[in-house]
Amino acid sequence: EVRRVPQSTPDAMPERKRTTPMNPENVHCSRCNTVYRRPFRERVIHLLALRNYKKPELLNHLQRDGIMQKDRGTLGKILQQVANLNAKDNSFSLKEHLFKDIQKDWPGYTEVDREVLEIRLSRKSAFSQNATSTSHLTPWGPSDTDAPSR
């Protein structure tokens, strides 16, 4: 018995065409879901990399992205580890040594956030390079050439 192969096989899953544009709210939700699965500490670090936050602002932002109940109570402890408190306005800023760990392609960042981060990182880089270069030029004490000859 010989079986014949059909000349054309219909697709099991016909190609679906999108009739409506993507809803920005759905894009935000998918970004939230991706960020929500990340460690809470990383989420705090990546928010503080963009700007200084007061604790209520930070908590509000984290709640919008989704926050687990167990993480809610650990925010103070995490801020002690990763942030400096500005006593003048009670805002938190990311500790300098943590900027090297920032992922520029963090899923929670928008295009605007990425631009802000790039500007902030370039300023920090320029500041640290300037501080390093001037420290080599400034003598800290009397040099051998300043010592009186005997």
C-alpha atoms as a PDB file:
ATOM      1  CA  GLU A   1       0.000   0.000   0.000  1.00  0.00           C
ATOM      2  CA  VAL A   2       1.456   3.359  -1.059  1.00  0.00           C
ATOM      3  CA  ARG A   3       0.647   6.469   0.877  1.00  0.00           C
ATOM      4  CA  ARG A   4       0.439   9.735  -0.880  1.00  0.00           C
ATOM      5  CA  VAL A   5       1.830  12.860   0.706  1.00  0.00           C
ATOM      6  CA  PRO A   6      -0.559  15.777   0.371  1.00  0.00           C
ATOM      7  CA  GLN A   7       0.708  18.498  -1.925  1.00  0.00           C
ATOM      8  CA  SER A   8       0.203  21.283   0.616  1.00  0.00           C
ATOM      9  CA  THR A   9      -0.289  20.904   4.326  1.00  0.00           C
ATOM     10  CA  PRO A  10      -2.297  23.552   6.109  1.00  0.00           C
ATOM     11  CA  ASP A  11      -0.500  25.200   9.011  1.00  0.00           C
ATOM     12  CA  ALA A  12      -1.613  23.880  12.350  1.00  0.00           C
ATOM     13  CA  MET A  13      -1.168  27.389  13.776  1.00  0.00           C
ATOM     14  CA  PRO A  14      -2.000  29.987  11.152  1.00  0.00           C
ATOM     15  CA  GLU A  15      -0.086  33.222  11.461  1.00  0.00           C
ATOM     16  CA  ARG A  16      -1.992  35.690  13.570  1.00  0.00           C
ATOM     17  CA  LYS A  17      -1.889  39.320  12.698  1.00  0.00           C
ATOM     18  CA  ARG A  18      -2.036  41.910  15.440  1.00  0.00           C
ATOM     19  CA  THR A  19      -4.969  44.197  14.827  1.00  0.00           C
ATOM     20  CA  THR A  20      -4.375  46.524  17.761  1.00  0.00           C
ATOM     21  CA  PRO A  21      -1.125  48.203  18.765  1.00  0.00           C
ATOM     22  CA  MET A  22       0.603  47.084  21.954  1.00  0.00           C
ATOM     23  CA  ASN A  23      -0.829  48.714  25.007  1.00  0.00           C
ATOM     24  CA  PRO A  24       1.915  50.608  26.916  1.00  0.00           C
ATOM     25  CA  GLU A  25       0.293  49.448  30.148  1.00  0.00           C
ATOM     26  CA  ASN A  26       0.879  45.819  29.130  1.00  0.00           C
ATOM     27  CA  VAL A  27       4.509  46.603  28.330  1.00  0.00           C
ATOM     28  CA  HIS A  28       4.853  48.141  31.802  1.00  0.00           C
ATOM     29  CA  CYS A  29       3.239  45.068  33.384  1.00  0.00           C
ATOM     30  CA  SER A  30       5.566  42.675  31.575  1.00  0.00           C
ATOM     31  CA  ARG A  31       8.523  44.796  32.708  1.00  0.00           C
ATOM     32  CA  CYS A  32       7.121  44.723  36.273  1.00  0.00           C
ATOM     33  CA  ASN A  33       6.823  40.943  36.173  1.00  0.00           C
ATOM     34  CA  THR A  34      10.418  40.594  35.032  1.00  0.00           C
ATOM     35  CA  VAL A  35      11.683  42.931  37.741  1.00  0.00           C
ATOM     36  CA  TYR A  36       9.412  41.353  40.370  1.00  0.00           C
ATOM     37  CA  ARG A  37      11.276  38.060  39.984  1.00  0.00           C
ATOM     38  CA  ARG A  38      14.655  39.694  40.653  1.00  0.00           C
ATOM     39  CA  PRO A  39      16.178  39.800  44.146  1.00  0.00           C
ATOM     40  CA  PHE A  40      14.764  42.639  46.232  1.00  0.00           C
ATOM     41  CA  ARG A  41      18.229  44.011  47.038  1.00  0.00           C
ATOM     42  CA  GLU A  42      19.040  44.345  43.314  1.00  0.00           C
ATOM     43  CA  ARG A  43      15.773  46.165  42.724  1.00  0.00           C
ATOM     44  CA  VAL A  44      16.604  48.709  45.439  1.00  0.00           C
ATOM     45  CA  ILE A  45      20.146  49.187  44.105  1.00  0.00           C
ATOM     46  CA  HIS A  46      18.954  49.782  40.540  1.00  0.00           C
ATOM     47  CA  LEU A  47      16.388  52.345  41.660  1.00  0.00           C
ATOM     48  CA  LEU A  48      18.940  54.237  43.763  1.00  0.00           C
ATOM     49  CA  ALA A  49      21.334  54.260  40.811  1.00  0.00           C
ATOM     50  CA  LEU A  50      18.927  56.595  38.998  1.00  0.00           C
ATOM     51  CA  ARG A  51      18.424  59.154  41.752  1.00  0.00           C
ATOM     52  CA  ASN A  52      18.155  59.719  45.494  1.00  0.00           C
ATOM     53  CA  TYR A  53      14.949  58.557  47.138  1.00  0.00           C
ATOM     54  CA  LYS A  54      13.257  59.159  50.439  1.00  0.00           C
ATOM     55  CA  LYS A  55      12.136  55.921  52.032  1.00  0.00           C
ATOM     56  CA  PRO A  56       8.374  56.440  51.388  1.00  0.00           C
ATOM     57  CA  GLU A  57       9.056  57.294  47.707  1.00  0.00           C
ATOM     58  CA  LEU A  58      11.212  54.218  47.315  1.00  0.00           C
ATOM     59  CA  LEU A  59       8.642  51.989  48.980  1.00  0.00           C
ATOM     60  CA  ASN A  60       5.897  53.441  46.770  1.00  0.00           C
ATOM     61  CA  HIS A  61       7.919  52.770  43.613  1.00  0.00           C
ATOM     62  CA  LEU A  62       8.703  49.215  44.716  1.00  0.00           C
ATOM     63  CA  GLN A  63       5.029  48.580  45.483  1.00  0.00           C
ATOM     64  CA  ARG A  64       4.024  49.719  41.992  1.00  0.00           C
ATOM     65  CA  ASP A  65       6.431  47.171  40.521  1.00  0.00           C
ATOM     66  CA  GLY A  66       5.217  44.522  42.947  1.00  0.00           C
ATOM     67  CA  ILE A  67       6.667  43.783  46.346  1.00  0.00           C
ATOM     68  CA  MET A  68       6.448  40.589  48.328  1.00  0.00           C
ATOM     69  CA  GLN A  69       5.229  40.823  51.906  1.00  0.00           C
ATOM     70  CA  LYS A  70       8.472  39.286  53.205  1.00  0.00           C
ATOM     71  CA  ASP A  71      10.502  42.000  51.415  1.00  0.00           C
ATOM     72  CA  ARG A  72       8.479  44.879  52.838  1.00  0.00           C
ATOM     73  CA  GLY A  73      10.090  44.532  56.269  1.00  0.00           C
ATOM     74  CA  THR A  74      13.649  44.196  54.949  1.00  0.00           C
ATOM     75  CA  LEU A  75      13.865  47.554  53.176  1.00  0.00           C
ATOM     76  CA  GLY A  76      15.483  49.305  56.159  1.00  0.00           C
ATOM     77  CA  LYS A  77      18.144  46.616  56.481  1.00  0.00           C
ATOM     78  CA  ILE A  78      18.903  46.693  52.751  1.00  0.00           C
ATOM     79  CA  LEU A  79      19.149  50.500  52.772  1.00  0.00           C
ATOM     80  CA  GLN A  80      21.744  50.285  55.557  1.00  0.00           C
ATOM     81  CA  GLN A  81      23.809  47.954  53.356  1.00  0.00           C
ATOM     82  CA  VAL A  82      23.543  49.740  50.008  1.00  0.00           C
ATOM     83  CA  ALA A  83      22.752  53.398  50.672  1.00  0.00           C
ATOM     84  CA  ASN A  84      23.953  56.506  52.449  1.00  0.00           C
ATOM     85  CA  LEU A  85      21.412  58.601  54.331  1.00  0.00           C
ATOM     86  CA  ASN A  86      21.447  62.342  53.713  1.00  0.00           C
ATOM     87  CA  ALA A  87      20.402  63.775  57.089  1.00  0.00           C
ATOM     88  CA  LYS A  88      19.356  67.130  55.584  1.00  0.00           C
ATOM     89  CA  ASP A  89      16.455  65.764  53.560  1.00  0.00           C
ATOM     90  CA  ASN A  90      16.253  62.129  54.772  1.00  0.00           C
ATOM     91  CA  SER A  91      16.984  60.811  51.291  1.00  0.00           C
ATOM     92  CA  PHE A  92      19.035  57.766  50.416  1.00  0.00           C
ATOM     93  CA  SER A  93      21.762  57.660  47.777  1.00  0.00           C
ATOM     94  CA  LEU A  94      23.507  54.596  46.422  1.00  0.00           C
ATOM     95  CA  LYS A  95      26.928  53.887  47.916  1.00  0.00           C
ATOM     96  CA  GLU A  96      29.675  54.715  45.425  1.00  0.00           C
ATOM     97  CA  HIS A  97      31.223  51.235  45.222  1.00  0.00           C
ATOM     98  CA  LEU A  98      27.903  49.745  44.070  1.00  0.00           C
ATOM     99  CA  PHE A  99      27.723  51.777  40.860  1.00  0.00           C
ATOM    100  CA  LYS A 100      30.144  49.323  39.255  1.00  0.00           C
ATOM    101  CA  ASP A 101      27.520  46.559  39.688  1.00  0.00           C
ATOM    102  CA  ILE A 102      24.738  48.411  37.881  1.00  0.00           C
ATOM    103  CA  GLN A 103      23.310  46.644  34.832  1.00  0.00           C
ATOM    104  CA  LYS A 104      22.603  49.230  32.153  1.00  0.00           C
ATOM    105  CA  ASP A 105      20.131  46.848  30.532  1.00  0.00           C
ATOM    106  CA  TRP A 106      18.169  46.298  33.773  1.00  0.00           C
ATOM    107  CA  PRO A 107      14.664  45.170  32.717  1.00  0.00           C
ATOM    108  CA  GLY A 108      12.973  47.710  34.992  1.00  0.00           C
ATOM    109  CA  TYR A 109      14.585  50.660  33.219  1.00  0.00           C
ATOM    110  CA  THR A 110      12.788  52.656  30.569  1.00  0.00           C
ATOM    111  CA  GLU A 111      14.691  54.364  27.764  1.00  0.00           C
ATOM    112  CA  VAL A 112      14.596  57.597  29.779  1.00  0.00           C
ATOM    113  CA  ASP A 113      15.959  55.756  32.835  1.00  0.00           C
ATOM    114  CA  ARG A 114      18.820  54.381  30.740  1.00  0.00           C
ATOM    115  CA  GLU A 115      19.680  57.881  29.530  1.00  0.00           C
ATOM    116  CA  VAL A 116      19.594  59.238  33.093  1.00  0.00           C
ATOM    117  CA  LEU A 117      21.798  56.367  34.240  1.00  0.00           C
ATOM    118  CA  GLU A 118      24.287  56.947  31.423  1.00  0.00           C
ATOM    119  CA  ILE A 119      24.586  60.636  32.349  1.00  0.00           C
ATOM    120  CA  ARG A 120      24.969  59.814  36.032  1.00  0.00           C
ATOM    121  CA  LEU A 121      27.618  57.159  35.405  1.00  0.00           C
ATOM    122  CA  SER A 122      29.587  59.397  33.043  1.00  0.00           C
ATOM    123  CA  ARG A 123      29.577  62.220  35.612  1.00  0.00           C
ATOM    124  CA  LYS A 124      30.796  59.854  38.318  1.00  0.00           C
ATOM    125  CA  SER A 125      33.484  58.542  36.006  1.00  0.00           C
ATOM    126  CA  ALA A 126      34.631  62.045  35.072  1.00  0.00           C
ATOM    127  CA  PHE A 127      34.627  63.117  38.716  1.00  0.00           C
ATOM    128  CA  SER A 128      36.670  60.105  39.842  1.00  0.00           C
ATOM    129  CA  GLN A 129      39.155  60.538  36.969  1.00  0.00           C
ATOM    130  CA  ASN A 130      39.520  64.235  37.766  1.00  0.00           C
ATOM    131  CA  ALA A 131      40.018  63.514  41.462  1.00  0.00           C
ATOM    132  CA  THR A 132      42.628  60.868  40.656  1.00  0.00           C
ATOM    133  CA  SER A 133      44.572  63.053  38.231  1.00  0.00           C
ATOM    134  CA  THR A 134      44.665  66.075  40.558  1.00  0.00           C
ATOM    135  CA  SER A 135      45.743  63.978  43.521  1.00  0.00           C
ATOM    136  CA  HIS A 136      48.867  62.977  41.591  1.00  0.00           C
ATOM    137  CA  LEU A 137      49.704  66.622  40.916  1.00  0.00           C
ATOM    138  CA  THR A 138      49.185  67.928  44.440  1.00  0.00           C
ATOM    139  CA  PRO A 139      52.104  67.281  46.789  1.00  0.00           C
ATOM    140  CA  TRP A 140      51.033  66.022  50.208  1.00  0.00           C
ATOM    141  CA  GLY A 141      54.187  67.143  51.983  1.00  0.00           C
ATOM    142  CA  PRO A 142      57.679  68.456  51.358  1.00  0.00           C
ATOM    143  CA  SER A 143      59.423  66.699  48.506  1.00  0.00           C
ATOM    144  CA  ASP A 144      63.129  65.960  48.128  1.00  0.00           C
ATOM    145  CA  THR A 145      63.551  69.028  45.930  1.00  0.00           C
ATOM    146  CA  ASP A 146      62.094  71.272  48.667  1.00  0.00           C
ATOM    147  CA  ALA A 147      64.531  69.961  51.306  1.00  0.00           C
ATOM    148  CA  PRO A 148      67.446  72.271  52.122  1.00  0.00           C
ATOM    149  CA  SER A 149      70.773  71.168  50.673  1.00  0.00           C
ATOM    150  CA  ARG A 150      73.545  70.283  53.096  1.00  0.00           C
END
